[in-house]
Amino acid sequence: MSEAQSVQESGPERVVRAFWGWSVALGCVLVACGGSAARSSGDGGSGGGSRRAISGDTGDDAGTSSAAAACDLSGSWIAQRNTRNTALGVPQLSTNWSYLQIEQHGTHFTVVAGFDCGYVVRGTTDVSLSDTTLEATAQKASDAAGTKGTFMPTADGKACELSFERIYAIRGANKAKFLDAVWKVGDAPKELPAFPMPTNAVEGMEDWDGDGHEGLTQLTGFGDRYTAQIDWYALHGQVPQHALQFGGDGVLTADYDEHEALSKQTPAILQTSSTPMPPGYGFMLRADAARVTKGAHPELETCKNVQARAIEKFGDPPAP
């Protein structure tokens, strides 16, 4: 498929066209799986499917690896992280997805592009995002580009040691004011209390979904929540050499923190925020396939494919 066929030329999609063009050159782009995070075509089943450890795989996604070295992340990757929070003493499990494009030279790599592909939460009630919210999140939230890390052989030469710097993201708030003005990629890490967050539109909450409510809209079984969120995560662990998918509890650790500010438009029953309980765990899957997303909503379709492929490989988002 030619670059011109991948996405349309005009408007903000010009940036996405360049993003996908880089993928096509590597031959590492997404399988068009379809579906959404609400359904699983995988082998994990409901519940704890995403907890199982994957030491390494060169199975049906392998194709021809672009990694000539034993420890090389060059290419396109689906990343999933599973985290645990509590709200009013009740556990909540969150499954978060990202799409990353990585260049590696020697033992050092750089994330050159990436999408924040949303999340679901399982607990006393499920939390999810609409397609409109997911698309806005993919377009605006992530500060992944420029993030660095290392991927190198272990001392015994039998595995690879992976370490990401922190990847920050913000949702439902003015990114320039509340993230970029406080921290930029390449700066030393900052803890989230250093980031002031708005509580209303006057202060800088933004209606990312265009639904007339302040901030980002979360869909729950008890109604909608309107929030501004900021978080960071960093993956690290020892993984097999040449592996095209790896991770799980005890294999790939996900350090993280998150914070939210709630709009007063949120119903009182939903005004309680959760408390992070790090660390979590993560998975990574090399995206190797036949076609790229095209059309009017490439970021949205990409993230739907990311979610569906992750669920197929790692199982349904777990519940407490």
C-alpha atoms as a PDB file:
ATOM      1  CA  MET A   1       0.000   0.000   0.000  1.00  0.00           C
ATOM      2  CA  SER A   2       1.384   3.385  -0.907  1.00  0.00           C
ATOM      3  CA  GLU A   3       1.761   6.179   1.592  1.00  0.00           C
ATOM      4  CA  ALA A   4      -0.906   8.145  -0.232  1.00  0.00           C
ATOM      5  CA  GLN A   5      -3.316   5.246   0.204  1.00  0.00           C
ATOM      6  CA  SER A   6      -2.709   5.013   3.944  1.00  0.00           C
ATOM      7  CA  VAL A   7      -4.383   8.255   4.992  1.00  0.00           C
ATOM      8  CA  GLN A   8      -5.747  11.373   3.455  1.00  0.00           C
ATOM      9  CA  GLU A   9      -3.387  14.219   2.681  1.00  0.00           C
ATOM     10  CA  SER A  10      -5.120  17.242   4.123  1.00  0.00           C
ATOM     11  CA  GLY A  11      -5.391  18.693   7.611  1.00  0.00           C
ATOM     12  CA  PRO A  12      -3.906  17.120  10.741  1.00  0.00           C
ATOM     13  CA  GLU A  13      -3.718  13.757   8.993  1.00  0.00           C
ATOM     14  CA  ARG A  14      -0.573  14.999   7.222  1.00  0.00           C
ATOM     15  CA  VAL A  15       1.278  14.348  10.478  1.00  0.00           C
ATOM     16  CA  VAL A  16      -0.264  10.892  10.757  1.00  0.00           C
ATOM     17  CA  ARG A  17       0.703  10.168   7.148  1.00  0.00           C
ATOM     18  CA  ALA A  18       4.321  10.828   7.988  1.00  0.00           C
ATOM     19  CA  PHE A  19       3.952   8.693  11.114  1.00  0.00           C
ATOM     20  CA  TRP A  20       2.616   5.766   9.113  1.00  0.00           C
ATOM     21  CA  GLY A  21       5.067   6.297   6.288  1.00  0.00           C
ATOM     22  CA  TRP A  22       7.876   5.617   8.745  1.00  0.00           C
ATOM     23  CA  SER A  23       6.119   2.391   9.770  1.00  0.00           C
ATOM     24  CA  VAL A  24       5.698   1.195   6.211  1.00  0.00           C
ATOM     25  CA  ALA A  25       9.379   1.743   5.534  1.00  0.00           C
ATOM     26  CA  LEU A  26      10.167  -0.619   8.408  1.00  0.00           C
ATOM     27  CA  GLY A  27       7.523  -3.141   7.418  1.00  0.00           C
ATOM     28  CA  CYS A  28       6.226  -3.109  11.003  1.00  0.00           C
ATOM     29  CA  VAL A  29       2.636  -1.852  11.063  1.00  0.00           C
ATOM     30  CA  LEU A  30      -0.548  -3.014  12.645  1.00  0.00           C
ATOM     31  CA  VAL A  31      -2.729  -5.929  11.765  1.00  0.00           C
ATOM     32  CA  ALA A  32      -6.212  -4.595  11.092  1.00  0.00           C
ATOM     33  CA  CYS A  33      -7.936  -6.650  13.772  1.00  0.00           C
ATOM     34  CA  GLY A  34     -11.070  -4.586  14.304  1.00  0.00           C
ATOM     35  CA  GLY A  35     -13.090  -4.927  17.471  1.00  0.00           C
ATOM     36  CA  SER A  36     -12.816  -3.018  20.722  1.00  0.00           C
ATOM     37  CA  ALA A  37     -11.624  -3.421  24.264  1.00  0.00           C
ATOM     38  CA  ALA A  38     -15.020  -4.690  25.308  1.00  0.00           C
ATOM     39  CA  ARG A  39     -14.559  -7.966  23.415  1.00  0.00           C
ATOM     40  CA  SER A  40     -11.805 -10.539  23.357  1.00  0.00           C
ATOM     41  CA  SER A  41     -10.865 -12.902  20.573  1.00  0.00           C
ATOM     42  CA  GLY A  42      -7.889 -14.095  22.580  1.00  0.00           C
ATOM     43  CA  ASP A  43      -7.108 -17.024  24.808  1.00  0.00           C
ATOM     44  CA  GLY A  44      -6.991 -15.174  28.105  1.00  0.00           C
ATOM     45  CA  GLY A  45     -10.668 -15.202  28.992  1.00  0.00           C
ATOM     46  CA  SER A  46     -12.377 -12.853  31.402  1.00  0.00           C
ATOM     47  CA  GLY A  47     -10.739 -12.101  34.690  1.00  0.00           C
ATOM     48  CA  GLY A  48      -6.997 -12.560  35.086  1.00  0.00           C
ATOM     49  CA  GLY A  49      -5.984 -13.192  31.496  1.00  0.00           C
ATOM     50  CA  SER A  50      -3.577 -10.285  31.380  1.00  0.00           C
ATOM     51  CA  ARG A  51      -1.626 -11.352  34.454  1.00  0.00           C
ATOM     52  CA  ARG A  52       0.028 -14.423  32.929  1.00  0.00           C
ATOM     53  CA  ALA A  53       3.714 -14.032  32.170  1.00  0.00           C
ATOM     54  CA  ILE A  54       4.963 -14.333  28.606  1.00  0.00           C
ATOM     55  CA  SER A  55       8.652 -15.108  28.623  1.00  0.00           C
ATOM     56  CA  GLY A  56       9.004 -14.685  24.878  1.00  0.00           C
ATOM     57  CA  ASP A  57       7.373 -15.688  21.608  1.00  0.00           C
ATOM     58  CA  THR A  58       8.272 -15.946  17.957  1.00  0.00           C
ATOM     59  CA  GLY A  59       4.901 -17.323  16.948  1.00  0.00           C
ATOM     60  CA  ASP A  60       2.343 -16.146  14.427  1.00  0.00           C
ATOM     61  CA  ASP A  61       3.226 -12.473  14.805  1.00  0.00           C
ATOM     62  CA  ALA A  62       6.886 -13.077  14.131  1.00  0.00           C
ATOM     63  CA  GLY A  63       7.045 -12.654  10.378  1.00  0.00           C
ATOM     64  CA  THR A  64      10.565 -11.498   9.604  1.00  0.00           C
ATOM     65  CA  SER A  65      11.970  -9.590  12.551  1.00  0.00           C
ATOM     66  CA  SER A  66      13.535  -6.236  11.781  1.00  0.00           C
ATOM     67  CA  ALA A  67      15.852  -6.784  14.750  1.00  0.00           C
ATOM     68  CA  ALA A  68      19.159  -8.160  13.575  1.00  0.00           C
ATOM     69  CA  ALA A  69      20.648  -7.993  17.074  1.00  0.00           C
ATOM     70  CA  ALA A  70      19.508 -10.074  20.007  1.00  0.00           C
ATOM     71  CA  CYS A  71      18.377  -6.976  21.935  1.00  0.00           C
ATOM     72  CA  ASP A  72      16.853  -4.475  19.507  1.00  0.00           C
ATOM     73  CA  LEU A  73      13.527  -2.657  19.900  1.00  0.00           C
ATOM     74  CA  SER A  74      13.666  -0.958  16.488  1.00  0.00           C
ATOM     75  CA  GLY A  75      10.216  -0.903  14.934  1.00  0.00           C
ATOM     76  CA  SER A  76       6.592  -0.626  15.995  1.00  0.00           C
ATOM     77  CA  TRP A  77       5.246  -1.957  19.278  1.00  0.00           C
ATOM     78  CA  ILE A  78       1.957  -2.357  21.104  1.00  0.00           C
ATOM     79  CA  ALA A  79       2.487  -1.731  24.824  1.00  0.00           C
ATOM     80  CA  GLN A  80       0.029  -2.671  27.551  1.00  0.00           C
ATOM     81  CA  ARG A  81       0.309  -1.950  31.253  1.00  0.00           C
ATOM     82  CA  ASN A  82      -1.876  -3.279  34.031  1.00  0.00           C
ATOM     83  CA  THR A  83      -2.119  -1.196  37.186  1.00  0.00           C
ATOM     84  CA  ARG A  84      -3.929  -1.401  40.511  1.00  0.00           C
ATOM     85  CA  ASN A  85      -5.689   1.400  42.403  1.00  0.00           C
ATOM     86  CA  THR A  86      -8.058   1.579  45.339  1.00  0.00           C
ATOM     87  CA  ALA A  87     -11.145   3.745  45.799  1.00  0.00           C
ATOM     88  CA  LEU A  88     -12.893   3.769  49.190  1.00  0.00           C
ATOM     89  CA  GLY A  89     -10.897   0.651  50.056  1.00  0.00           C
ATOM     90  CA  VAL A  90     -12.129  -1.257  46.996  1.00  0.00           C
ATOM     91  CA  PRO A  91      -9.534  -2.488  44.452  1.00  0.00           C
ATOM     92  CA  GLN A  92      -9.705  -1.355  40.850  1.00  0.00           C
ATOM     93  CA  LEU A  93      -7.659  -2.809  37.988  1.00  0.00           C
ATOM     94  CA  SER A  94      -6.793  -0.609  35.019  1.00  0.00           C
ATOM     95  CA  THR A  95      -5.585  -1.793  31.614  1.00  0.00           C
ATOM     96  CA  ASN A  96      -3.842   0.884  29.541  1.00  0.00           C
ATOM     97  CA  TRP A  97      -2.633   0.695  25.931  1.00  0.00           C
ATOM     98  CA  SER A  98      -0.057   2.583  23.868  1.00  0.00           C
ATOM     99  CA  TYR A  99       1.375   2.380  20.366  1.00  0.00           C
ATOM    100  CA  LEU A 100       5.083   3.179  20.115  1.00  0.00           C
ATOM    101  CA  GLN A 101       7.541   3.537  17.254  1.00  0.00           C
ATOM    102  CA  ILE A 102      11.133   3.094  18.301  1.00  0.00           C
ATOM    103  CA  GLU A 103      14.584   3.630  16.794  1.00  0.00           C
ATOM    104  CA  GLN A 104      17.572   1.948  18.425  1.00  0.00           C
ATOM    105  CA  HIS A 105      21.284   2.569  17.943  1.00  0.00           C
ATOM    106  CA  GLY A 106      23.625   0.388  19.930  1.00  0.00           C
ATOM    107  CA  THR A 107      22.106  -0.203  23.341  1.00  0.00           C
ATOM    108  CA  HIS A 108      20.170   3.099  23.413  1.00  0.00           C
ATOM    109  CA  PHE A 109      16.720   3.650  21.908  1.00  0.00           C
ATOM    110  CA  THR A 110      14.392   6.593  21.348  1.00  0.00           C
ATOM    111  CA  VAL A 111      10.605   6.621  21.008  1.00  0.00           C
ATOM    112  CA  VAL A 112      10.095   8.623  17.800  1.00  0.00           C
ATOM    113  CA  ALA A 113       6.279   8.598  17.772  1.00  0.00           C
ATOM    114  CA  GLY A 114       3.471   7.234  19.855  1.00  0.00           C
ATOM    115  CA  PHE A 115      -0.242   7.194  20.616  1.00  0.00           C
ATOM    116  CA  ASP A 116      -1.931   6.970  24.004  1.00  0.00           C
ATOM    117  CA  CYS A 117      -4.584   4.379  23.132  1.00  0.00           C
ATOM    118  CA  GLY A 118      -6.863   4.689  26.121  1.00  0.00           C
ATOM    119  CA  TYR A 119      -7.789   2.434  29.010  1.00  0.00           C
ATOM    120  CA  VAL A 120     -10.513   0.490  30.747  1.00  0.00           C
ATOM    121  CA  VAL A 121     -11.006   0.077  34.497  1.00  0.00           C
ATOM    122  CA  ARG A 122     -12.605  -2.917  36.212  1.00  0.00           C
ATOM    123  CA  GLY A 123     -13.879  -2.613  39.781  1.00  0.00           C
ATOM    124  CA  THR A 124     -17.114  -1.787  41.539  1.00  0.00           C
ATOM    125  CA  THR A 125     -18.120  -0.383  38.155  1.00  0.00           C
ATOM    126  CA  ASP A 126     -16.419  -0.512  34.767  1.00  0.00           C
ATOM    127  CA  VAL A 127     -14.907   2.655  33.316  1.00  0.00           C
ATOM    128  CA  SER A 128     -14.353   3.143  29.588  1.00  0.00           C
ATOM    129  CA  LEU A 129     -13.955   5.835  26.945  1.00  0.00           C
ATOM    130  CA  SER A 130     -16.175   6.641  23.980  1.00  0.00           C
ATOM    131  CA  ASP A 131     -14.730   6.590  20.475  1.00  0.00           C
ATOM    132  CA  THR A 132     -14.703  10.386  20.445  1.00  0.00           C
ATOM    133  CA  THR A 133     -12.735  10.488  23.692  1.00  0.00           C
ATOM    134  CA  LEU A 134     -10.366   7.745  22.530  1.00  0.00           C
ATOM    135  CA  GLU A 135      -9.623   9.633  19.318  1.00  0.00           C
ATOM    136  CA  ALA A 136      -8.914  12.864  21.215  1.00  0.00           C
ATOM    137  CA  THR A 137      -6.666  10.972  23.625  1.00  0.00           C
ATOM    138  CA  ALA A 138      -4.690   9.439  20.747  1.00  0.00           C
ATOM    139  CA  GLN A 139      -4.258  12.845  19.123  1.00  0.00           C
ATOM    140  CA  LYS A 140      -3.350  14.922  22.174  1.00  0.00           C
ATOM    141  CA  ALA A 141      -2.440  13.046  25.346  1.00  0.00           C
ATOM    142  CA  SER A 142       0.954  11.397  25.014  1.00  0.00           C
ATOM    143  CA  ASP A 143       4.343  13.012  25.479  1.00  0.00           C
ATOM    144  CA  ALA A 144       6.101   9.813  24.370  1.00  0.00           C
ATOM    145  CA  ALA A 145       8.070  11.153  21.386  1.00  0.00           C
ATOM    146  CA  GLY A 146      11.682  11.702  22.387  1.00  0.00           C
ATOM    147  CA  THR A 147      11.553   9.355  25.381  1.00  0.00           C
ATOM    148  CA  LYS A 148      14.762   7.360  25.680  1.00  0.00           C
ATOM    149  CA  GLY A 149      15.821   4.081  27.187  1.00  0.00           C
ATOM    150  CA  THR A 150      18.267   1.228  27.025  1.00  0.00           C
ATOM    151  CA  PHE A 151      17.940  -2.350  25.783  1.00  0.00           C
ATOM    152  CA  MET A 152      21.073  -4.398  26.221  1.00  0.00           C
ATOM    153  CA  PRO A 153      22.291  -7.936  26.900  1.00  0.00           C
ATOM    154  CA  THR A 154      22.393  -9.018  30.521  1.00  0.00           C
ATOM    155  CA  ALA A 155      25.773  -9.714  32.116  1.00  0.00           C
ATOM    156  CA  ASP A 156      25.445 -13.433  31.413  1.00  0.00           C
ATOM    157  CA  GLY A 157      24.445 -12.765  27.791  1.00  0.00           C
ATOM    158  CA  LYS A 158      21.312 -14.909  28.072  1.00  0.00           C
ATOM    159  CA  ALA A 159      18.595 -12.215  28.137  1.00  0.00           C
ATOM    160  CA  CYS A 160      17.980  -8.520  27.499  1.00  0.00           C
ATOM    161  CA  GLU A 161      17.669  -5.779  30.101  1.00  0.00           C
ATOM    162  CA  LEU A 162      14.970  -3.260  29.163  1.00  0.00           C
ATOM    163  CA  SER A 163      14.598   0.161  30.771  1.00  0.00           C
ATOM    164  CA  PHE A 164      12.341   3.015  29.628  1.00  0.00           C
ATOM    165  CA  GLU A 165      12.540   6.547  30.894  1.00  0.00           C
ATOM    166  CA  ARG A 166       9.209   7.900  32.120  1.00  0.00           C
ATOM    167  CA  ILE A 167       6.471   8.573  29.572  1.00  0.00           C
ATOM    168  CA  TYR A 168       4.090  11.323  30.726  1.00  0.00           C
ATOM    169  CA  ALA A 169       0.559  11.949  29.453  1.00  0.00           C
ATOM    170  CA  ILE A 170      -2.160  14.498  30.178  1.00  0.00           C
ATOM    171  CA  ARG A 171      -5.865  14.331  29.339  1.00  0.00           C
ATOM    172  CA  GLY A 172      -8.676  16.842  29.477  1.00  0.00           C
ATOM    173  CA  ALA A 173      -6.418  19.814  30.246  1.00  0.00           C
ATOM    174  CA  ASN A 174      -4.319  22.377  28.404  1.00  0.00           C
ATOM    175  CA  LYS A 175      -1.159  20.396  27.620  1.00  0.00           C
ATOM    176  CA  ALA A 176       1.076  23.406  27.004  1.00  0.00           C
ATOM    177  CA  LYS A 177       0.201  24.960  30.379  1.00  0.00           C
ATOM    178  CA  PHE A 178      -0.095  21.948  32.654  1.00  0.00           C
ATOM    179  CA  LEU A 179       2.516  19.569  31.226  1.00  0.00           C
ATOM    180  CA  ASP A 180       4.936  21.219  28.789  1.00  0.00           C
ATOM    181  CA  ALA A 181       5.454  24.328  30.914  1.00  0.00           C
ATOM    182  CA  VAL A 182       6.387  22.180  33.917  1.00  0.00           C
ATOM    183  CA  TRP A 183       8.291  19.314  32.312  1.00  0.00           C
ATOM    184  CA  LYS A 184       9.601  18.444  28.843  1.00  0.00           C
ATOM    185  CA  VAL A 185      10.971  15.221  27.408  1.00  0.00           C
ATOM    186  CA  GLY A 186      14.617  15.035  28.390  1.00  0.00           C
ATOM    187  CA  ASP A 187      14.144  16.819  31.712  1.00  0.00           C
ATOM    188  CA  ALA A 188      14.836  15.024  34.992  1.00  0.00           C
ATOM    189  CA  PRO A 189      11.757  13.181  36.289  1.00  0.00           C
ATOM    190  CA  LYS A 190       9.261  15.183  38.322  1.00  0.00           C
ATOM    191  CA  GLU A 191       6.713  13.790  40.715  1.00  0.00           C
ATOM    192  CA  LEU A 192       3.065  14.581  40.044  1.00  0.00           C
ATOM    193  CA  PRO A 193       2.536  16.987  42.987  1.00  0.00           C
ATOM    194  CA  ALA A 194       4.756  19.395  41.008  1.00  0.00           C
ATOM    195  CA  PHE A 195       2.080  19.577  38.286  1.00  0.00           C
ATOM    196  CA  PRO A 196      -0.882  21.835  39.174  1.00  0.00           C
ATOM    197  CA  MET A 197      -4.127  20.629  37.614  1.00  0.00           C
ATOM    198  CA  PRO A 198      -7.241  22.647  36.699  1.00  0.00           C
ATOM    199  CA  THR A 199     -10.627  21.948  38.236  1.00  0.00           C
ATOM    200  CA  ASN A 200     -12.753  23.879  35.744  1.00  0.00           C
ATOM    201  CA  ALA A 201     -12.718  25.378  32.264  1.00  0.00           C
ATOM    202  CA  VAL A 202     -11.644  28.797  33.497  1.00  0.00           C
ATOM    203  CA  GLU A 203      -8.505  27.298  35.017  1.00  0.00           C
ATOM    204  CA  GLY A 204      -7.698  25.264  31.897  1.00  0.00           C
ATOM    205  CA  MET A 205      -9.851  22.135  31.740  1.00  0.00           C
ATOM    206  CA  GLU A 206     -10.587  21.388  28.087  1.00  0.00           C
ATOM    207  CA  ASP A 207     -13.598  19.620  26.605  1.00  0.00           C
ATOM    208  CA  TRP A 208     -11.624  17.087  24.568  1.00  0.00           C
ATOM    209  CA  ASP A 209     -14.706  15.064  23.600  1.00  0.00           C
ATOM    210  CA  GLY A 210     -16.810  18.030  22.476  1.00  0.00           C
ATOM    211  CA  ASP A 211     -19.752  16.890  24.611  1.00  0.00           C
ATOM    212  CA  GLY A 212     -20.272  20.212  26.384  1.00  0.00           C
ATOM    213  CA  HIS A 213     -18.705  19.061  29.662  1.00  0.00           C
ATOM    214  CA  GLU A 214     -15.405  20.145  31.186  1.00  0.00           C
ATOM    215  CA  GLY A 215     -12.425  17.836  30.829  1.00  0.00           C
ATOM    216  CA  LEU A 216     -12.320  14.274  29.582  1.00  0.00           C
ATOM    217  CA  THR A 217     -15.499  12.191  29.865  1.00  0.00           C
ATOM    218  CA  GLN A 218     -15.293   8.745  31.450  1.00  0.00           C
ATOM    219  CA  LEU A 219     -18.221   6.378  30.973  1.00  0.00           C
ATOM    220  CA  THR A 220     -19.208   4.398  34.085  1.00  0.00           C
ATOM    221  CA  GLY A 221     -22.090   2.229  35.195  1.00  0.00           C
ATOM    222  CA  PHE A 222     -23.229   5.020  37.529  1.00  0.00           C
ATOM    223  CA  GLY A 223     -23.030   7.902  35.047  1.00  0.00           C
ATOM    224  CA  ASP A 224     -20.331  10.030  33.451  1.00  0.00           C
ATOM    225  CA  ARG A 225     -17.270  11.521  35.172  1.00  0.00           C
ATOM    226  CA  TYR A 226     -15.582  14.708  33.927  1.00  0.00           C
ATOM    227  CA  THR A 227     -11.900  14.873  34.768  1.00  0.00           C
ATOM    228  CA  ALA A 228      -8.461  16.207  33.963  1.00  0.00           C
ATOM    229  CA  GLN A 229      -5.773  13.554  34.358  1.00  0.00           C
ATOM    230  CA  ILE A 230      -1.985  13.396  34.401  1.00  0.00           C
ATOM    231  CA  ASP A 231       0.156  10.283  34.731  1.00  0.00           C
ATOM    232  CA  TRP A 232       3.494   8.714  33.944  1.00  0.00           C
ATOM    233  CA  TYR A 233       4.776   5.177  33.517  1.00  0.00           C
ATOM    234  CA  ALA A 234       8.126   3.474  32.955  1.00  0.00           C
ATOM    235  CA  LEU A 235       8.622  -0.159  31.933  1.00  0.00           C
ATOM    236  CA  HIS A 236      11.660  -2.206  32.934  1.00  0.00           C
ATOM    237  CA  GLY A 237      12.689  -5.839  33.283  1.00  0.00           C
ATOM    238  CA  GLN A 238      14.659  -8.744  31.856  1.00  0.00           C
ATOM    239  CA  VAL A 239      13.172 -10.268  28.708  1.00  0.00           C
ATOM    240  CA  PRO A 240      14.263 -13.012  26.290  1.00  0.00           C
ATOM    241  CA  GLN A 241      16.535 -12.234  23.363  1.00  0.00           C
ATOM    242  CA  HIS A 242      14.902 -11.875  19.928  1.00  0.00           C
ATOM    243  CA  ALA A 243      11.437 -11.987  21.532  1.00  0.00           C
ATOM    244  CA  LEU A 244       8.604 -10.443  19.545  1.00  0.00           C
ATOM    245  CA  GLN A 245       6.245 -10.414  22.512  1.00  0.00           C
ATOM    246  CA  PHE A 246       7.009 -10.522  26.200  1.00  0.00           C
ATOM    247  CA  GLY A 247       5.861  -9.347  29.596  1.00  0.00           C
ATOM    248  CA  GLY A 248       3.504 -10.148  32.418  1.00  0.00           C
ATOM    249  CA  ASP A 249       3.579 -10.056  36.192  1.00  0.00           C
ATOM    250  CA  GLY A 250       7.109 -10.809  37.318  1.00  0.00           C
ATOM    251  CA  VAL A 251       8.632 -10.230  33.871  1.00  0.00           C
ATOM    252  CA  LEU A 252       8.045  -6.593  32.920  1.00  0.00           C
ATOM    253  CA  THR A 253       7.497  -4.121  35.761  1.00  0.00           C
ATOM    254  CA  ALA A 254       5.458  -0.954  35.232  1.00  0.00           C
ATOM    255  CA  ASP A 255       6.355   1.851  37.627  1.00  0.00           C
ATOM    256  CA  TYR A 256       3.646   4.519  37.511  1.00  0.00           C
ATOM    257  CA  ASP A 257       1.764   7.306  39.193  1.00  0.00           C
ATOM    258  CA  GLU A 258      -1.426   9.128  38.284  1.00  0.00           C
ATOM    259  CA  HIS A 259      -3.492  12.058  39.475  1.00  0.00           C
ATOM    260  CA  GLU A 260      -6.802  13.588  38.493  1.00  0.00           C
ATOM    261  CA  ALA A 261      -8.804  16.731  39.147  1.00  0.00           C
ATOM    262  CA  LEU A 262     -12.581  16.385  38.949  1.00  0.00           C
ATOM    263  CA  SER A 263     -14.956  18.918  37.473  1.00  0.00           C
ATOM    264  CA  LYS A 264     -17.870  19.941  39.684  1.00  0.00           C
ATOM    265  CA  GLN A 265     -20.057  18.851  36.767  1.00  0.00           C
ATOM    266  CA  THR A 266     -19.337  15.271  37.889  1.00  0.00           C
ATOM    267  CA  PRO A 267     -22.206  13.748  39.939  1.00  0.00           C
ATOM    268  CA  ALA A 268     -21.493  13.576  43.674  1.00  0.00           C
ATOM    269  CA  ILE A 269     -21.582   9.765  43.698  1.00  0.00           C
ATOM    270  CA  LEU A 270     -18.619   9.752  41.289  1.00  0.00           C
ATOM    271  CA  GLN A 271     -16.470  12.419  42.932  1.00  0.00           C
ATOM    272  CA  THR A 272     -14.153   9.995  44.735  1.00  0.00           C
ATOM    273  CA  SER A 273     -10.713   9.581  43.165  1.00  0.00           C
ATOM    274  CA  SER A 274      -8.624   6.425  43.364  1.00  0.00           C
ATOM    275  CA  THR A 275      -5.198   5.929  44.929  1.00  0.00           C
ATOM    276  CA  PRO A 276      -2.444   4.268  42.863  1.00  0.00           C
ATOM    277  CA  MET A 277      -0.802   1.121  44.250  1.00  0.00           C
ATOM    278  CA  PRO A 278       2.386   0.690  42.199  1.00  0.00           C
ATOM    279  CA  PRO A 279       4.083  -1.158  40.724  1.00  0.00           C
ATOM    280  CA  GLY A 280       2.051  -2.732  37.952  1.00  0.00           C
ATOM    281  CA  TYR A 281       3.205  -4.950  35.128  1.00  0.00           C
ATOM    282  CA  GLY A 282       3.393  -4.641  31.366  1.00  0.00           C
ATOM    283  CA  PHE A 283       3.448  -6.425  28.043  1.00  0.00           C
ATOM    284  CA  MET A 284       4.961  -5.563  24.693  1.00  0.00           C
ATOM    285  CA  LEU A 285       4.078  -6.994  21.280  1.00  0.00           C
ATOM    286  CA  ARG A 286       5.864  -6.223  18.033  1.00  0.00           C
ATOM    287  CA  ALA A 287       3.324  -4.988  15.472  1.00  0.00           C
ATOM    288  CA  ASP A 288       4.060  -6.783  12.234  1.00  0.00           C
ATOM    289  CA  ALA A 289       1.448  -6.894   9.509  1.00  0.00           C
ATOM    290  CA  ALA A 290      -0.047  -6.208   6.156  1.00  0.00           C
ATOM    291  CA  ARG A 291      -1.877  -2.899   6.105  1.00  0.00           C
ATOM    292  CA  VAL A 292      -2.158   0.448   7.801  1.00  0.00           C
ATOM    293  CA  THR A 293      -5.279   2.234   8.899  1.00  0.00           C
ATOM    294  CA  LYS A 294      -6.687   4.707   6.417  1.00  0.00           C
ATOM    295  CA  GLY A 295      -9.600   7.092   6.169  1.00  0.00           C
ATOM    296  CA  ALA A 296     -10.895  10.026   8.143  1.00  0.00           C
ATOM    297  CA  HIS A 297     -10.010   8.707  11.626  1.00  0.00           C
ATOM    298  CA  PRO A 298      -6.599   6.992  11.461  1.00  0.00           C
ATOM    299  CA  GLU A 299      -5.652   7.564  15.110  1.00  0.00           C
ATOM    300  CA  LEU A 300      -8.960   6.150  16.342  1.00  0.00           C
ATOM    301  CA  GLU A 301      -8.800   3.086  14.126  1.00  0.00           C
ATOM    302  CA  THR A 302      -5.162   2.519  15.040  1.00  0.00           C
ATOM    303  CA  CYS A 303      -5.999   2.538  18.731  1.00  0.00           C
ATOM    304  CA  LYS A 304      -8.958   0.220  18.258  1.00  0.00           C
ATOM    305  CA  ASN A 305      -6.624  -2.186  16.475  1.00  0.00           C
ATOM    306  CA  VAL A 306      -4.047  -1.818  19.252  1.00  0.00           C
ATOM    307  CA  GLN A 307      -6.648  -2.701  21.882  1.00  0.00           C
ATOM    308  CA  ALA A 308      -8.032  -5.641  19.921  1.00  0.00           C
ATOM    309  CA  ARG A 309      -4.615  -7.106  19.162  1.00  0.00           C
ATOM    310  CA  ALA A 310      -3.479  -6.729  22.772  1.00  0.00           C
ATOM    311  CA  ILE A 311      -6.614  -8.455  24.041  1.00  0.00           C
ATOM    312  CA  GLU A 312      -6.154 -11.240  21.505  1.00  0.00           C
ATOM    313  CA  LYS A 313      -2.601 -11.836  22.707  1.00  0.00           C
ATOM    314  CA  PHE A 314      -2.742 -10.982  26.417  1.00  0.00           C
ATOM    315  CA  GLY A 315      -6.352 -11.714  27.354  1.00  0.00           C
ATOM    316  CA  ASP A 316      -9.324  -9.661  28.497  1.00  0.00           C
ATOM    317  CA  PRO A 317      -8.680  -6.733  30.851  1.00  0.00           C
ATOM    318  CA  PRO A 318      -8.582  -8.354  34.311  1.00  0.00           C
ATOM    319  CA  ALA A 319     -11.101  -7.671  37.073  1.00  0.00           C
ATOM    320  CA  PRO A 320     -10.445  -7.785  40.834  1.00  0.00           C
END
